Amino acid sequence: QVQLVESGGGLVQPGGSLRLSCAASGSIFSIYFMGWYRQAPGKQREIVAGITSGDSTNYPDSVKGRFTISRDNAKNTVYLQMNSLKPEDTAVYYCHFKTLSGNYWGQGTQVTVSS
């Protein structure tokens, strides 16, 4: 059974940085997309970063230039480096893997940006 385990969330002051990690356990193959999404209270879940098997990345304008997604294929792990954090970045962050045999979500990690 495949599980995605996230880590790295927490409380940070505005302007600070956090690095999220998401590692897959179990037998997982043919990952063609890895992404990070977030959901703030009362809002829909939105994508904040994605990376394809060809290393193409995409970001919404709200985080472009501040967030960077990267991955380690050997470890089936995806990272999200978040810099210059703002209070509006406060949300639960989820990782998401798309594979040829199915799609998987992490359990979510809370990121709170507050002074």
Protein backbone atom coordinates (compact mmCIF):
# COMPACT_ATOMS: atom_id res chain seq x y z
CA GLN A 1 0.00 0.00 0.00
CA VAL A 2 1.36 3.39 -0.98
CA GLN A 3 1.49 6.17 1.58
CA LEU A 4 2.72 9.72 1.21
CA VAL A 5 4.23 11.15 4.38
CA GLU A 6 4.73 14.88 4.67
CA SER A 7 6.93 16.79 7.04
CA GLY A 8 8.31 20.27 7.57
CA GLY A 9 5.24 22.33 8.35
CA GLY A 10 5.01 24.66 11.30
CA LEU A 11 4.74 28.24 12.50
CA VAL A 12 6.90 30.88 10.86
CA GLN A 13 6.99 34.66 10.90
CA PRO A 14 6.19 36.68 7.80
CA GLY A 15 9.22 36.82 5.54
CA GLY A 16 10.50 33.51 6.84
CA SER A 17 11.12 30.20 5.09
CA LEU A 18 10.04 26.60 5.40
CA ARG A 19 10.90 23.46 3.49
CA LEU A 20 8.27 20.76 3.11
CA SER A 21 9.09 17.18 2.25
CA CYS A 22 6.87 14.36 1.02
CA ALA A 23 8.15 10.82 0.78
CA ALA A 24 6.33 7.85 -0.69
CA SER A 25 6.44 4.50 1.04
CA GLY A 26 5.38 1.19 -0.43
CA SER A 27 5.58 0.04 -4.02
CA ILE A 28 5.14 3.04 -6.25
CA PHE A 29 6.08 3.15 -9.91
CA SER A 30 5.84 5.35 -12.97
CA ILE A 31 5.31 8.66 -11.19
CA TYR A 32 4.66 11.21 -13.92
CA PHE A 33 3.62 14.14 -11.78
CA MET A 34 4.36 15.39 -8.28
CA GLY A 35 2.62 18.40 -6.86
CA TRP A 36 1.91 20.49 -3.79
CA TYR A 37 -1.54 21.86 -3.04
CA ARG A 38 -2.91 23.90 -0.19
CA GLN A 39 -6.26 24.53 1.39
CA ALA A 40 -7.04 27.43 3.67
CA PRO A 41 -10.15 27.46 5.90
CA GLY A 42 -13.24 28.18 3.85
CA LYS A 43 -11.38 28.00 0.55
CA GLN A 44 -10.96 25.41 -2.17
CA ARG A 45 -7.83 23.37 -2.49
CA GLU A 46 -5.42 24.96 -4.96
CA ILE A 47 -2.19 23.90 -6.58
CA VAL A 48 0.93 25.79 -5.54
CA ALA A 49 3.60 23.85 -7.43
CA GLY A 50 3.93 20.95 -9.80
CA ILE A 51 6.77 19.04 -11.43
CA THR A 52 6.52 16.48 -14.21
CA SER A 53 8.68 13.48 -14.99
CA GLY A 54 10.39 15.68 -17.57
CA ASP A 55 11.26 18.22 -14.86
CA SER A 56 8.84 20.81 -16.15
CA THR A 57 7.59 22.96 -13.29
CA ASN A 58 4.62 25.23 -12.89
CA TYR A 59 3.51 27.71 -10.24
CA PRO A 60 0.54 30.04 -9.85
CA ASP A 61 1.32 33.75 -9.84
CA SER A 62 0.62 33.92 -6.10
CA VAL A 63 3.78 31.94 -5.26
CA LYS A 64 5.95 32.36 -8.36
CA GLY A 65 9.43 33.51 -7.40
CA ARG A 66 8.94 32.52 -3.76
CA PHE A 67 8.27 28.77 -3.89
CA THR A 68 10.44 26.13 -5.54
CA ILE A 69 9.52 22.51 -6.10
CA SER A 70 12.16 19.82 -6.52
CA ARG A 71 12.30 16.06 -6.34
CA ASP A 72 14.58 13.12 -5.65
CA ASN A 73 13.50 10.28 -7.89
CA ALA A 74 15.71 7.74 -6.14
CA LYS A 75 13.91 8.46 -2.87
CA ASN A 76 10.43 9.02 -4.37
CA THR A 77 10.44 12.32 -2.53
CA VAL A 78 9.27 15.78 -3.47
CA TYR A 79 10.20 19.02 -1.72
CA LEU A 80 8.74 22.49 -1.55
CA GLN A 81 11.03 25.32 -0.56
CA MET A 82 8.95 28.29 0.54
CA ASN A 83 10.61 31.68 0.97
CA SER A 84 9.31 35.14 1.76
CA LEU A 85 6.25 33.63 3.36
CA LYS A 86 3.16 35.76 3.81
CA PRO A 87 0.19 35.41 6.17
CA GLU A 88 -1.96 34.49 3.17
CA ASP A 89 0.21 31.41 2.66
CA THR A 90 -1.31 29.97 5.84
CA ALA A 91 -3.01 26.69 4.95
CA VAL A 92 -2.80 22.93 5.14
CA TYR A 93 -0.36 21.77 2.47
CA TYR A 94 -0.83 18.45 0.70
CA CYS A 95 1.46 16.55 -1.63
CA HIS A 96 0.02 14.66 -4.57
CA PHE A 97 1.56 12.02 -6.81
CA LYS A 98 0.10 10.89 -10.11
CA THR A 99 1.23 7.50 -11.38
CA LEU A 100 0.21 5.15 -14.15
CA SER A 101 -1.44 2.90 -11.54
CA GLY A 102 -3.19 5.54 -9.47
CA ASN A 103 -3.13 8.90 -7.72
CA TYR A 104 -2.12 9.49 -4.12
CA TRP A 105 -2.45 12.24 -1.53
CA GLY A 106 -0.55 12.99 1.63
CA GLN A 107 -2.31 13.58 4.94
CA GLY A 108 -1.50 17.28 4.97
CA THR A 109 0.82 19.46 7.03
CA GLN A 110 -0.13 22.77 8.59
CA VAL A 111 1.78 25.90 7.63
CA THR A 112 1.01 29.00 9.67
CA VAL A 113 2.56 32.36 8.85
CA SER A 114 2.05 34.79 11.69
CA SER A 115 3.92 37.23 13.85
